[in-house]
Protein backbone atom coordinates (compact mmCIF):
# COMPACT_ATOMS: atom_id res chain seq x y z
CA MET A 1 140.47 67.08 233.49
CA HIS A 2 139.09 63.63 234.27
CA ALA A 3 141.38 61.33 232.27
CA GLU A 4 142.77 59.55 235.33
CA GLU A 5 139.36 59.16 236.99
CA MET A 6 137.47 57.95 233.91
CA GLN A 7 140.34 56.29 232.00
CA MET A 8 139.42 58.34 228.93
CA VAL A 9 141.41 60.83 226.88
CA LEU A 10 139.91 63.19 224.30
CA LEU A 11 141.82 63.36 221.01
CA PRO A 12 140.47 66.08 218.70
CA ILE A 13 140.69 65.18 215.00
CA GLY A 14 139.77 67.02 211.81
CA TRP A 15 140.28 66.46 208.11
CA GLU A 16 142.81 69.30 207.85
CA THR A 17 145.24 67.56 210.24
CA ASP A 18 144.30 63.88 210.36
CA ALA A 19 143.09 62.75 206.90
CA THR A 20 145.57 60.75 204.80
CA PRO A 21 145.76 61.48 201.04
CA ASP A 22 143.93 58.83 199.02
CA LEU A 23 142.62 58.76 195.43
CA GLN A 24 140.46 55.62 195.64
CA GLU A 25 137.18 57.56 195.92
CA ARG A 26 135.76 61.07 196.30
CA GLY A 27 137.32 63.23 199.01
CA GLN A 28 134.35 63.35 201.37
CA ALA A 29 133.95 59.55 201.22
CA ILE A 30 137.62 59.21 202.24
CA ILE A 31 137.12 61.61 205.16
CA ASN A 32 134.02 59.63 206.19
CA ARG A 33 135.91 56.34 206.15
CA GLN A 34 139.10 57.58 207.81
CA LEU A 35 137.69 59.96 210.42
CA VAL A 36 133.91 59.87 210.89
CA ASP A 37 133.68 56.07 211.07
CA ASN A 38 136.43 55.96 213.71
CA CYS A 39 135.28 58.79 215.95
CA ASP A 40 133.28 58.41 219.17
CA LEU A 41 131.81 61.90 219.26
CA LEU A 42 131.14 64.56 216.61
CA ILE A 43 131.13 68.32 217.17
CA GLY A 44 129.67 70.45 214.38
CA ILE A 45 130.06 74.25 214.36
CA PHE A 46 128.35 76.56 211.83
CA ARG A 47 128.71 80.29 211.40
CA THR A 48 127.25 81.73 208.16
CA ARG A 49 127.72 79.00 205.53
CA LEU A 50 126.31 75.48 205.07
CA GLY A 51 129.02 74.44 202.61
CA THR A 52 129.38 72.86 199.19
CA PRO A 53 126.88 70.11 198.21
CA THR A 54 128.14 66.53 197.80
CA PRO A 55 126.54 63.67 195.83
CA GLU A 56 124.99 62.42 199.10
CA ALA A 57 124.07 65.51 201.14
CA ASP A 58 123.65 69.30 201.16
CA SER A 59 127.31 69.74 202.16
CA GLY A 60 130.33 67.75 203.32
CA THR A 61 129.70 68.80 206.93
CA VAL A 62 126.04 67.74 206.70
CA GLU A 63 127.12 64.40 205.25
CA GLU A 64 129.52 63.86 208.17
CA ILE A 65 126.84 64.72 210.75
CA GLU A 66 124.25 62.45 209.14
CA ARG A 67 126.72 59.58 208.87
CA ALA A 68 127.79 59.83 212.52
CA GLU A 69 124.19 60.21 213.65
CA HIS A 70 123.06 57.15 211.68
CA GLN A 71 125.86 55.16 213.33
CA GLY A 72 124.33 55.98 216.73
CA LYS A 73 127.08 58.40 217.74
CA ARG A 74 126.52 61.51 219.83
CA CYS A 75 126.46 64.65 217.67
CA ILE A 76 126.78 68.07 219.35
CA VAL A 77 125.93 70.85 216.89
CA TYR A 78 126.31 74.60 217.49
CA PHE A 79 125.23 77.64 215.45
CA SER A 80 126.89 81.01 215.87
CA ASP A 81 124.57 83.98 216.40
CA GLN A 82 127.51 86.36 216.53
CA THR A 83 126.91 89.51 214.47
CA SER A 84 129.71 91.54 212.93
CA ARG A 85 129.82 94.05 210.15
CA SER A 86 133.21 92.70 209.11
CA ILE A 87 131.63 89.41 208.01
CA GLN A 88 130.52 89.31 204.39
CA ILE A 89 127.49 87.05 204.25
CA ASP A 90 126.65 84.97 201.19
CA GLN A 91 122.86 85.22 201.41
CA VAL A 92 122.22 81.99 199.51
CA GLN A 93 124.54 80.08 201.80
CA TYR A 94 123.07 81.75 204.88
CA ASP A 95 119.50 80.88 203.86
CA ARG A 96 120.50 77.26 203.24
CA LEU A 97 122.13 77.18 206.66
CA GLN A 98 118.99 78.52 208.40
CA ASN A 99 116.85 75.91 206.64
CA TYR A 100 119.21 73.17 207.82
CA ARG A 101 119.15 74.60 211.35
CA GLN A 102 115.34 74.38 211.41
CA GLU A 103 115.55 70.87 209.98
CA LEU A 104 117.89 69.70 212.76
CA ASN A 105 115.72 71.26 215.45
CA THR A 106 112.71 69.23 214.28
CA LYS A 107 114.57 65.99 215.00
CA GLY A 108 116.80 66.83 217.97
CA LEU A 109 118.41 69.63 219.97
CA THR A 110 121.11 72.05 218.83
CA ASP A 111 122.64 75.03 220.65
CA ASN A 112 123.86 78.50 219.79
CA TYR A 113 126.40 81.02 221.06
CA THR A 114 127.11 84.71 220.53
CA THR A 115 130.61 85.09 222.00
CA LEU A 116 133.75 82.95 222.10
CA ASN A 117 133.67 82.84 225.92
CA GLU A 118 130.10 81.57 225.85
CA PHE A 119 131.14 78.88 223.37
CA ARG A 120 134.07 77.81 225.61
CA GLU A 121 131.76 77.49 228.62
CA LYS A 122 129.07 75.56 226.75
CA ILE A 123 131.33 73.10 224.96
CA SER A 124 133.22 72.32 228.17
CA ARG A 125 129.97 71.55 230.00
CA HIS A 126 128.45 69.59 227.11
CA LEU A 127 131.60 67.53 226.56
CA MET A 128 131.71 66.56 230.22
CA LYS A 129 128.09 65.38 230.08
CA ALA A 130 128.77 63.40 226.89
CA ILE A 131 131.87 61.75 228.40
CA ARG A 132 129.89 60.70 231.45
CA ASP A 133 127.26 59.14 229.17
CA ILE A 134 129.95 57.28 227.23
CA ALA A 135 131.53 56.05 230.46
CA LYS A 136 128.14 54.84 231.68
CA GLU A 137 127.54 53.05 228.37
CA ASP A 138 130.93 51.37 228.61
CA GLN A 139 130.11 50.24 232.14
CA GLU A 140 126.82 48.77 230.96
CA ARG A 141 128.52 46.89 228.13
CA ARG A 142 131.15 45.44 230.47
CA ALA A 143 128.45 44.30 232.90
CA ILE A 144 126.48 42.69 230.08
CA ARG A 145 129.54 40.88 228.73
CA GLN A 146 130.39 39.62 232.20
CA GLU A 147 126.84 38.38 232.79
CA ALA A 148 126.86 36.63 229.42
CA LYS A 149 130.20 34.95 230.23
CA THR A 150 128.92 33.84 233.62
CA THR A 151 125.86 32.30 231.97
CA GLU A 152 127.99 30.67 229.27
CA ARG A 153 130.21 29.08 231.92
CA ALA A 154 127.20 27.80 233.83
CA ILE A 155 125.67 26.35 230.67
CA GLY A 156 128.98 24.84 229.61
CA LEU A 157 129.64 26.94 226.50
CA PRO A 158 133.23 27.80 225.59
CA ILE A 159 134.17 31.40 226.37
CA GLN A 160 135.86 31.82 222.99
CA SER A 161 133.63 31.86 219.92
CA GLY A 162 133.25 28.52 218.22
CA SER A 163 133.91 24.95 219.20
CA SER A 164 135.71 21.93 217.86
CA LEU A 165 133.69 18.99 216.68
CA PRO A 166 134.89 15.43 217.21
CA TYR A 167 135.13 14.54 213.54
CA ALA A 168 138.86 14.50 212.78
CA PRO A 169 140.15 16.13 210.76
CA LEU A 170 136.97 18.21 210.52
CA SER A 171 136.96 21.35 212.65
CA PHE A 172 134.53 24.22 213.08
CA ASP A 173 136.41 26.25 215.68
CA THR A 174 137.20 29.02 213.18
CA PHE A 175 135.65 30.17 209.92
CA ALA A 176 138.76 29.17 208.00
CA ASN A 177 138.66 25.63 209.43
CA ALA A 178 134.93 25.41 208.75
CA GLN A 179 135.46 26.36 205.12
CA ALA A 180 138.17 23.71 204.70
CA SER A 181 135.92 21.10 206.38
CA ILE A 182 132.89 21.94 204.23
CA LYS A 183 134.96 21.78 201.03
CA GLN A 184 136.18 18.36 202.11
CA LEU A 185 132.65 17.15 202.89
CA ILE A 186 131.22 18.45 199.61
CA GLU A 187 133.86 16.50 197.70
CA SER A 188 133.33 13.35 199.81
CA ARG A 189 131.01 10.55 198.74
CA PHE A 190 129.42 10.42 202.19
CA GLY A 191 129.90 14.10 203.05
CA LEU A 192 126.21 14.93 203.32
CA GLU A 193 125.63 12.06 205.77
CA ASP A 194 128.58 13.14 207.90
CA MET A 195 127.35 16.74 207.83
CA GLU A 196 123.90 15.55 208.95
CA ASP A 197 125.46 14.23 212.17
CA ILE A 198 127.26 17.53 212.74
CA LYS A 199 124.04 19.47 212.13
CA GLU A 200 122.12 17.40 214.68
CA GLN A 201 124.88 17.90 217.23
CA GLU A 202 124.90 21.68 216.76
CA ILE A 203 121.10 21.96 216.87
CA ALA A 204 121.03 19.89 220.07
CA LYS A 205 123.70 22.14 221.59
CA ILE A 206 121.69 25.29 220.86
CA GLN A 207 118.44 23.73 222.09
CA GLU A 208 120.21 22.69 225.29
CA VAL A 209 121.19 26.31 225.89
CA LEU A 210 117.62 27.47 225.28
CA ALA A 211 116.26 24.92 227.76
CA SER A 212 118.90 25.45 230.45
CA PRO A 213 118.02 26.75 233.97
CA ASP A 214 120.62 29.53 233.59
CA PHE A 215 118.94 30.76 230.42
CA ALA A 216 115.60 30.66 232.25
CA THR A 217 117.13 32.76 235.05
CA LEU A 218 118.05 35.45 232.53
CA VAL A 219 114.53 35.39 231.07
CA ASN A 220 112.90 35.63 234.50
CA GLN A 221 114.75 38.89 235.16
CA GLY A 222 112.39 40.50 232.64
CA ALA A 223 112.90 42.37 229.37
CA THR A 224 115.54 45.00 230.14
CA THR A 225 118.49 46.25 228.14
CA GLU A 226 120.84 44.19 230.33
CA THR A 227 118.92 40.89 230.06
CA ILE A 228 118.14 41.18 226.33
CA SER A 229 121.77 41.99 225.53
CA ALA A 230 122.99 39.11 227.72
CA ILE A 231 120.54 36.68 226.10
CA VAL A 232 121.57 37.55 222.56
CA ALA A 233 125.26 37.36 223.51
CA VAL A 234 124.75 33.82 224.88
CA LEU A 235 122.84 32.72 221.77
CA GLU A 236 125.43 34.26 219.43
CA THR A 237 128.20 32.27 221.12
CA ALA A 238 126.16 29.06 220.97
CA CYS A 239 125.39 29.59 217.25
CA THR A 240 128.90 30.50 216.10
CA PRO A 241 130.00 27.01 214.87
CA ALA A 242 126.70 26.59 213.00
CA MET A 243 127.11 30.05 211.43
CA TYR A 244 130.60 29.09 210.29
CA ALA A 245 129.22 25.89 208.73
CA LEU A 246 126.28 27.51 206.92
CA ALA A 247 128.35 30.42 205.63
CA ALA A 248 130.82 27.88 204.21
CA ILE A 249 127.97 25.89 202.62
CA GLY A 250 126.63 29.09 201.04
CA ARG A 251 130.05 29.82 199.60
CA TYR A 252 131.22 26.42 198.36
CA SER A 253 128.23 24.18 197.63
CA ASN A 254 126.94 23.86 194.09
CA GLU A 255 123.91 26.14 193.85
CA ASN A 256 122.06 23.48 191.86
CA ALA A 257 122.78 20.73 194.42
CA ASP A 258 119.29 20.10 195.82
CA GLU A 259 120.55 17.89 198.66
CA TRP A 260 122.81 20.55 200.16
CA LEU A 261 120.22 23.25 199.54
CA ASN A 262 117.50 21.33 201.38
CA PHE A 263 119.99 20.49 204.11
CA ALA A 264 120.85 24.16 204.72
CA GLY A 265 117.23 25.28 204.52
CA GLU A 266 116.10 22.67 207.04
CA TRP A 267 118.86 23.69 209.46
CA VAL A 268 117.65 27.30 209.45
CA GLU A 269 114.00 26.26 209.62
CA ARG A 270 114.39 24.03 212.66
CA LEU A 271 115.97 26.81 214.70
CA LEU A 272 113.60 29.49 213.42
CA MET A 273 110.35 27.64 214.08
CA ARG A 274 109.53 26.98 217.75
CA GLU A 275 106.39 26.10 219.69
CA GLN A 276 104.55 29.01 221.30
CA GLU A 277 105.33 28.72 225.02
CA SER A 278 103.56 29.90 228.13
CA GLY A 279 105.15 32.68 230.17
CA PHE A 280 106.85 35.71 228.68
CA ALA A 281 105.73 36.21 225.07
CA TRP A 282 108.91 38.10 224.16
CA ALA A 283 111.05 35.19 225.42
CA SER A 284 109.18 32.71 223.24
CA TYR A 285 109.90 34.90 220.21
CA ILE A 286 113.54 35.65 221.01
CA LYS A 287 114.31 31.92 221.15
CA ARG A 288 114.01 32.03 217.35
CA TYR A 289 117.05 34.29 217.15
CA PRO A 290 119.40 31.37 216.26
CA GLY A 291 117.41 30.78 213.06
CA LEU A 292 117.78 34.44 212.12
CA LEU A 293 121.54 34.32 212.71
CA LEU A 294 121.93 31.21 210.58
CA LEU A 295 119.85 32.61 207.72
CA TYR A 296 121.92 35.80 207.62
CA ALA A 297 125.19 33.83 207.68
CA LEU A 298 123.98 31.61 204.84
CA GLY A 299 122.33 34.40 202.85
CA ILE A 300 125.18 36.92 202.92
CA SER A 301 127.73 34.25 202.04
CA SER A 302 125.59 32.95 199.15
CA LEU A 303 125.09 36.46 197.81
CA ARG A 304 128.80 37.22 197.99
CA ALA A 305 129.44 34.02 196.04
CA ALA A 306 126.84 35.19 193.44
CA LYS A 307 124.65 32.11 193.99
CA GLY A 308 121.26 33.60 193.24
CA ASN A 309 119.54 30.26 192.54
CA PHE A 310 120.69 28.82 195.87
CA LEU A 311 119.53 31.87 197.83
CA ARG A 312 116.18 31.98 195.98
CA ASP A 313 115.34 28.39 196.82
CA VAL A 314 116.20 28.89 200.51
CA LEU A 315 114.14 32.09 200.85
CA GLU A 316 111.15 30.62 198.98
CA ARG A 317 111.10 27.52 201.17
CA PHE A 318 107.73 26.98 202.89
CA VAL A 319 107.82 26.54 206.66
CA TYR A 320 105.00 25.78 209.05
CA PHE A 321 104.39 28.74 211.35
CA ARG A 322 102.68 27.44 214.46
CA ASP A 323 101.61 30.89 215.67
CA TYR A 324 99.21 31.17 212.72
CA ASP A 325 98.71 27.46 211.98
CA CYS A 326 99.76 27.88 208.36
CA GLU A 327 102.72 27.62 206.01
CA ILE A 328 104.60 30.77 205.07
CA ARG A 329 107.75 31.56 203.13
CA LEU A 330 111.03 31.55 205.02
CA SER A 331 111.70 35.09 203.79
CA THR A 332 108.56 36.27 205.58
CA ALA A 333 109.22 34.30 208.77
CA VAL A 334 112.48 36.19 209.48
CA HIS A 335 110.81 39.56 209.93
CA PRO A 336 112.41 41.21 213.03
CA THR A 337 109.01 41.57 214.72
CA HIS A 338 108.74 37.77 214.68
CA ILE A 339 111.99 37.52 216.64
CA PHE A 340 112.23 40.64 218.81
CA HIS A 341 108.64 41.06 219.89
CA GLY A 342 107.18 44.51 220.59
CA GLN A 343 109.52 46.98 222.25
CA VAL A 344 112.16 44.29 222.88
CA ARG A 345 113.84 45.29 219.60
CA GLN A 346 114.62 48.70 221.15
CA LEU A 347 116.52 46.99 223.98
CA ILE A 348 118.95 44.91 221.95
CA GLU A 349 121.62 47.63 222.06
CA PRO A 350 122.52 49.39 225.34
CA GLY A 351 123.71 52.96 225.65
CA PHE A 352 122.88 55.70 223.15
CA GLU A 353 119.56 55.21 221.41
CA ARG A 354 119.91 53.42 218.08
CA ARG A 355 118.02 55.04 215.24
CA PHE A 356 115.56 53.39 212.89
CA THR A 357 116.61 49.71 212.79
CA PRO A 358 118.18 48.53 216.08
CA VAL A 359 117.90 44.77 215.38
CA ASN A 360 119.39 45.10 211.90
CA ASP A 361 122.12 47.43 213.12
CA HIS A 362 123.02 44.89 215.81
CA LEU A 363 123.03 42.02 213.30
CA CYS A 364 125.36 43.98 211.03
CA GLY A 365 128.06 44.12 213.71
CA VAL A 366 127.50 40.55 214.90
CA ILE A 367 127.85 38.98 211.44
CA GLN A 368 130.97 40.99 210.71
CA GLY A 369 132.56 40.14 214.06
CA ILE A 370 131.97 36.40 213.59
CA LEU A 371 132.52 35.90 209.85
CA TYR A 372 134.39 38.91 208.42
CA PRO A 373 136.30 40.59 211.29
CA HIS A 374 139.30 41.64 209.17
CA GLU A 375 137.39 42.93 206.16
CA GLU A 376 137.27 46.62 205.37
CA GLU A 377 134.09 47.89 207.00
CA SER A 378 132.72 49.75 203.99
CA ARG A 379 133.04 46.64 201.79
CA TYR A 380 131.35 44.46 204.37
CA ILE A 381 128.50 46.91 205.00
CA SER A 382 127.85 47.08 201.26
CA SER A 383 127.28 43.31 201.09
CA PHE A 384 125.24 43.28 204.32
CA ASP A 385 122.93 46.09 203.20
CA LEU A 386 122.56 44.64 199.71
CA PHE A 387 121.48 41.32 201.23
CA GLU A 388 118.90 43.03 203.45
CA PHE A 389 117.61 45.10 200.53
CA LEU A 390 117.22 41.99 198.34
CA LEU A 391 115.52 40.22 201.26
CA SER A 392 113.12 43.17 201.52
CA LEU A 393 112.46 42.95 197.78
CA LYS A 394 111.99 39.19 198.01
CA VAL A 395 109.34 39.57 200.71
CA ILE A 396 107.33 41.68 198.27
CA GLN A 397 107.79 39.15 195.46
CA VAL A 398 106.31 36.31 197.51
CA GLY A 399 103.14 38.31 198.09
CA GLU A 400 103.60 40.31 201.29
CA ASP A 401 102.47 43.93 201.50
CA HIS A 402 105.05 45.27 203.96
CA ILE A 403 108.63 46.45 203.62
CA TYR A 404 111.26 44.39 205.42
CA PRO A 405 113.27 47.01 207.35
CA GLY A 406 117.03 47.16 207.17
CA SER A 407 119.97 49.50 207.54
CA PHE A 408 119.87 50.07 203.77
CA SER A 409 116.75 52.19 204.40
CA TRP A 410 118.73 55.03 205.95
CA ARG A 411 122.42 54.42 205.26
CA SER A 412 123.25 56.89 202.49
CA GLU A 413 126.27 55.03 201.10
CA SER A 414 124.12 51.93 200.62
CA SER A 415 121.98 53.81 198.09
CA ARG A 416 124.90 53.69 195.64
CA VAL A 417 125.24 49.92 196.09
CA ILE A 418 121.51 49.38 195.48
CA ILE A 419 121.48 51.71 192.46
CA ARG A 420 124.43 49.90 190.86
CA ALA A 421 123.09 46.42 191.65
CA ILE A 422 119.60 47.00 190.23
CA GLN A 423 120.99 48.51 187.02
CA ASP A 424 123.44 45.61 186.62
CA ALA A 425 120.54 43.18 187.06
CA ALA A 426 118.39 45.07 184.54
CA LEU A 427 121.20 44.76 181.99
CA ASN A 428 122.18 41.21 183.03
CA GLN A 429 125.73 42.44 183.65
CA GLY A 430 128.39 41.18 186.02
CA LYS A 431 128.32 38.38 188.56
CA ALA A 432 126.17 40.29 191.03
CA GLY A 433 123.66 41.45 188.40
CA LYS A 434 123.19 37.92 187.05
CA ALA A 435 122.85 36.52 190.58
CA ILE A 436 120.09 39.04 191.34
CA LEU A 437 118.24 38.07 188.17
CA ASN A 438 118.45 34.41 189.23
CA LEU A 439 117.26 35.32 192.72
CA PHE A 440 114.05 36.83 191.31
CA GLY A 441 113.52 34.39 188.48
CA GLY A 442 114.41 36.52 185.47
CA GLU A 443 114.08 40.01 184.03
CA GLU A 444 110.28 40.14 183.82
CA ALA A 445 109.81 38.98 187.42
CA LEU A 446 112.36 41.51 188.68
CA THR A 447 110.63 44.36 186.81
CA GLU A 448 107.22 43.42 188.19
CA THR A 449 108.58 43.08 191.74
CA ALA A 450 110.34 46.45 191.51
CA ALA A 451 107.11 48.20 190.44
CA THR A 452 105.17 46.63 193.34
CA TYR A 453 107.94 47.48 195.79
CA ASP A 454 108.04 51.13 194.68
CA GLU A 455 104.30 51.48 195.18
CA ILE A 456 104.29 49.89 198.65
CA ALA A 457 107.39 51.85 199.72
CA LYS A 458 105.70 55.15 198.81
CA HIS A 459 102.99 54.42 201.37
CA SER A 460 105.27 52.85 203.97
CA GLN A 461 104.70 53.91 207.57
CA GLN A 462 108.45 54.05 208.21
CA ASP A 463 109.73 57.61 208.55
CA PHE A 464 113.52 57.72 208.54
CA PHE A 465 113.82 61.50 208.09
CA ARG A 466 115.03 62.25 204.58
CA ALA A 467 115.53 58.52 204.06
CA GLY A 468 113.50 55.37 203.76
CA PRO A 469 112.93 52.37 201.49
CA PRO A 470 113.82 53.16 197.86
CA THR A 471 110.89 54.18 195.65
CA TYR A 472 112.83 54.49 192.41
CA LEU A 473 113.61 50.91 191.35
CA SER A 474 111.35 50.95 188.28
CA GLN A 475 112.91 54.22 187.14
CA LEU A 476 116.40 52.72 187.52
CA ILE A 477 115.46 49.73 185.40
CA ARG A 478 113.87 51.90 182.68
CA GLN A 479 116.87 54.24 182.55
CA ALA A 480 119.36 51.35 182.42
CA LYS A 481 117.52 49.70 179.52
CA SER A 482 117.47 53.00 177.64
CA GLY A 483 121.26 53.15 177.89
CA LYS A 484 121.49 55.76 180.63
CA ARG A 485 123.11 54.67 183.89
CA ILE A 486 122.47 56.64 187.08
CA ARG A 487 125.46 56.98 189.41
CA ASN A 488 124.19 58.41 192.69
CA TYR A 489 121.14 59.16 194.81
CA ARG A 490 120.99 62.87 194.02
CA THR A 491 120.76 62.06 190.32
CA VAL A 492 117.95 59.63 191.05
CA LEU A 493 116.01 62.35 192.84
CA HIS A 494 116.62 64.75 189.95
CA GLU A 495 115.43 62.18 187.41
CA LEU A 496 112.27 61.45 189.45
CA ALA A 497 111.53 65.16 189.72
CA GLN A 498 111.46 65.36 185.91
CA LEU A 499 108.67 62.76 185.67
């Protein structure tokens, strides 16, 4: 009805008509990847049955709703109250459905209908409201992008991500060119000295942006969704060449090369640690965002290259934290509350409210867009969530008593990645398992850290509704060493219930 006015067309999709046959993984996972991950809006309709349980949820439909909801998508769910003697009700299924209905109503709002005409009227009205919200969100995003581009032009940043550095034939305008340049520098006799000059140039460029009048103008507008989103967009553009460089260092440098390790760690540290400034407290904190971006680029790349020793030495690096006049570990200094102060972390994403971990969810998309734009999303998210989980575990190992939050806390498919990785590490199997052992300093240290993590996670204040930080790491390690591998989250819960 409003396609011409709003420039939007609704295309209904369902697994019966739009899923493509695939045998790479279980059926529901294929439907999730092909349909749920690519939809903008989910409509769930229940009558008398909840459905067949899957390894990840109480039914395939429940799994789809939870996945879409966790991705920040609008979910409109209806329950039929229509009564008919012709319907044969499976009482077990019906009871499960009513329990799920109550569960949903404790966290949000569902609706019901008793006749088909009532359903037609309600869904038409609700869809129109949802489309208007989506159109408004799109308008906000366009305005934010335009404001960021205007600021970038005023500051002198290139509109396209990245920049070329005047060190022929070295180039950091794309990730591919940065990787070729870093490989060349690592093999060069004077490569570290040349890279030092490049590092200083990139740090100066980012600091110039942070000190510019145009950046100050954005800050003076106050902490709103529009200004926070514009600020992070400007900083992400300014940091792109440095992210390319550090991701390439994490991939190609020798993990036992102390010079390159110290070089990379210092680069992150200098952008992460800033003087406390007068004025807006949130602005002083958010100016550390470049350090967070660089650490994630370096950390994810190192983990993907299975360089546990390299990543361990970077995360255990001591940095002077001026706010508290003391030295702390780098792994502790990157806590999101040290970057996005107070409620600012809720403003980093405009539009529909992001659940649980807005800063981490934003970082997930940013890192992929800059470093791995053509990679299959599920593969990328697995490496991103595994890095954040190991970072969370590392924070506990260095003596902190809080859980570092990340998307892994609520993303159901990431549970499988964590379960497999911890068991591989316990058995010292595979590249990833051995890298994790190196990251934590051996089998005994990993076992001790896992036990401490489980205990702290059990008393964590985070409530992610049927999700949260894992509390089963010690059990995974014990089961793996006894020769029994656990494959999925539901089995983990079953095993824990037997204890």
